[in-house]
Amino acid sequence: MKPDRWAERCMTAPAYYTTSRFLGRGRYDTRRFETLAEAQADAAGDRRAMIYAVTSEGFSANLDGTRFL
């Protein structure tokens, strides 16, 4: 499935959003948000931050580079 189609599928009913930053040596800073706007505000100005939509089933899609951002 193409990345945009997978992201679209996850965006139909997201349970929450996360931002994730790689800290090095297998460590990540992951934060959970209820809205896309909150996740975007957290990621603003940080090139390392990636935003994910997460469904209630636990499936996720990276939204960077999709039409959703």
C-alpha atoms as a PDB file:
ATOM      1  CA  MET A   1       0.000   0.000   0.000  1.00  0.00           C
ATOM      2  CA  LYS A   2       1.309   3.461  -0.866  1.00  0.00           C
ATOM      3  CA  PRO A   3       2.331   5.676   2.091  1.00  0.00           C
ATOM      4  CA  ASP A   4      -0.394   8.270   1.428  1.00  0.00           C
ATOM      5  CA  ARG A   5      -3.074   5.578   1.239  1.00  0.00           C
ATOM      6  CA  TRP A   6      -1.899   4.009   4.506  1.00  0.00           C
ATOM      7  CA  ALA A   7      -1.809   7.434   6.180  1.00  0.00           C
ATOM      8  CA  GLU A   8      -5.291   8.143   4.837  1.00  0.00           C
ATOM      9  CA  ARG A   9      -6.540   4.880   6.295  1.00  0.00           C
ATOM     10  CA  CYS A  10      -5.047   5.720   9.698  1.00  0.00           C
ATOM     11  CA  MET A  11      -6.413   9.276   9.522  1.00  0.00           C
ATOM     12  CA  THR A  12     -10.015   8.076   9.073  1.00  0.00           C
ATOM     13  CA  ALA A  13     -10.247   7.215  12.779  1.00  0.00           C
ATOM     14  CA  PRO A  14      -7.126   8.154  14.730  1.00  0.00           C
ATOM     15  CA  ALA A  15      -7.248   7.461  18.461  1.00  0.00           C
ATOM     16  CA  TYR A  16      -4.355   9.832  19.135  1.00  0.00           C
ATOM     17  CA  TYR A  17      -1.182  11.308  17.653  1.00  0.00           C
ATOM     18  CA  THR A  18       2.436  10.968  18.699  1.00  0.00           C
ATOM     19  CA  THR A  19       5.625  12.840  18.039  1.00  0.00           C
ATOM     20  CA  SER A  20       8.884  10.962  18.088  1.00  0.00           C
ATOM     21  CA  ARG A  21      12.485  12.172  18.150  1.00  0.00           C
ATOM     22  CA  PHE A  22      15.551   9.942  17.820  1.00  0.00           C
ATOM     23  CA  LEU A  23      17.917  10.662  20.715  1.00  0.00           C
ATOM     24  CA  GLY A  24      20.680   8.249  19.726  1.00  0.00           C
ATOM     25  CA  ARG A  25      21.676   4.679  20.564  1.00  0.00           C
ATOM     26  CA  GLY A  26      18.171   3.286  20.170  1.00  0.00           C
ATOM     27  CA  ARG A  27      16.528   5.874  22.418  1.00  0.00           C
ATOM     28  CA  TYR A  28      13.461   7.885  21.389  1.00  0.00           C
ATOM     29  CA  ASP A  29      11.513  10.738  22.946  1.00  0.00           C
ATOM     30  CA  THR A  30       7.870   9.861  22.216  1.00  0.00           C
ATOM     31  CA  ARG A  31       4.990  12.097  23.290  1.00  0.00           C
ATOM     32  CA  ARG A  32       1.243  11.481  22.981  1.00  0.00           C
ATOM     33  CA  PHE A  33      -1.357  14.099  21.938  1.00  0.00           C
ATOM     34  CA  GLU A  34      -5.119  14.080  21.475  1.00  0.00           C
ATOM     35  CA  THR A  35      -5.179  16.376  18.407  1.00  0.00           C
ATOM     36  CA  LEU A  36      -3.072  16.828  15.301  1.00  0.00           C
ATOM     37  CA  ALA A  37      -2.701  20.545  16.088  1.00  0.00           C
ATOM     38  CA  GLU A  38      -1.114  19.726  19.466  1.00  0.00           C
ATOM     39  CA  ALA A  39       1.316  17.293  17.844  1.00  0.00           C
ATOM     40  CA  GLN A  40       2.222  19.832  15.160  1.00  0.00           C
ATOM     41  CA  ALA A  41       2.849  22.493  17.806  1.00  0.00           C
ATOM     42  CA  ASP A  42       5.162  20.122  19.676  1.00  0.00           C
ATOM     43  CA  ALA A  43       7.096  19.253  16.508  1.00  0.00           C
ATOM     44  CA  ALA A  44       7.346  22.849  15.236  1.00  0.00           C
ATOM     45  CA  GLY A  45      10.905  23.998  14.696  1.00  0.00           C
ATOM     46  CA  ASP A  46      12.481  20.575  15.303  1.00  0.00           C
ATOM     47  CA  ARG A  47      13.588  18.831  12.128  1.00  0.00           C
ATOM     48  CA  ARG A  48      14.077  15.546  14.018  1.00  0.00           C
ATOM     49  CA  ALA A  49      10.442  15.298  15.135  1.00  0.00           C
ATOM     50  CA  MET A  50       8.166  12.911  13.260  1.00  0.00           C
ATOM     51  CA  ILE A  51       4.385  12.911  13.670  1.00  0.00           C
ATOM     52  CA  TYR A  52       2.357   9.694  13.661  1.00  0.00           C
ATOM     53  CA  ALA A  53      -1.389   9.014  13.599  1.00  0.00           C
ATOM     54  CA  VAL A  54      -2.260   5.980  15.746  1.00  0.00           C
ATOM     55  CA  THR A  55      -5.516   4.015  15.463  1.00  0.00           C
ATOM     56  CA  SER A  56      -7.339   2.312  18.325  1.00  0.00           C
ATOM     57  CA  GLU A  57      -5.987  -1.018  17.018  1.00  0.00           C
ATOM     58  CA  GLY A  58      -2.432   0.261  17.433  1.00  0.00           C
ATOM     59  CA  PHE A  59      -1.637   0.761  13.740  1.00  0.00           C
ATOM     60  CA  SER A  60       0.316   3.913  12.976  1.00  0.00           C
ATOM     61  CA  ALA A  61       1.330   5.990   9.987  1.00  0.00           C
ATOM     62  CA  ASN A  62       4.090   8.566   9.732  1.00  0.00           C
ATOM     63  CA  LEU A  63       2.445  11.754   8.472  1.00  0.00           C
ATOM     64  CA  ASP A  64       5.661  13.507   7.391  1.00  0.00           C
ATOM     65  CA  GLY A  65       5.625  14.083   3.650  1.00  0.00           C
ATOM     66  CA  THR A  66       1.904  13.367   3.277  1.00  0.00           C
ATOM     67  CA  ARG A  67      -0.901  15.741   2.414  1.00  0.00           C
ATOM     68  CA  PHE A  68      -2.054  15.706   6.045  1.00  0.00           C
ATOM     69  CA  LEU A  69       0.737  18.045   7.201  1.00  0.00           C
END
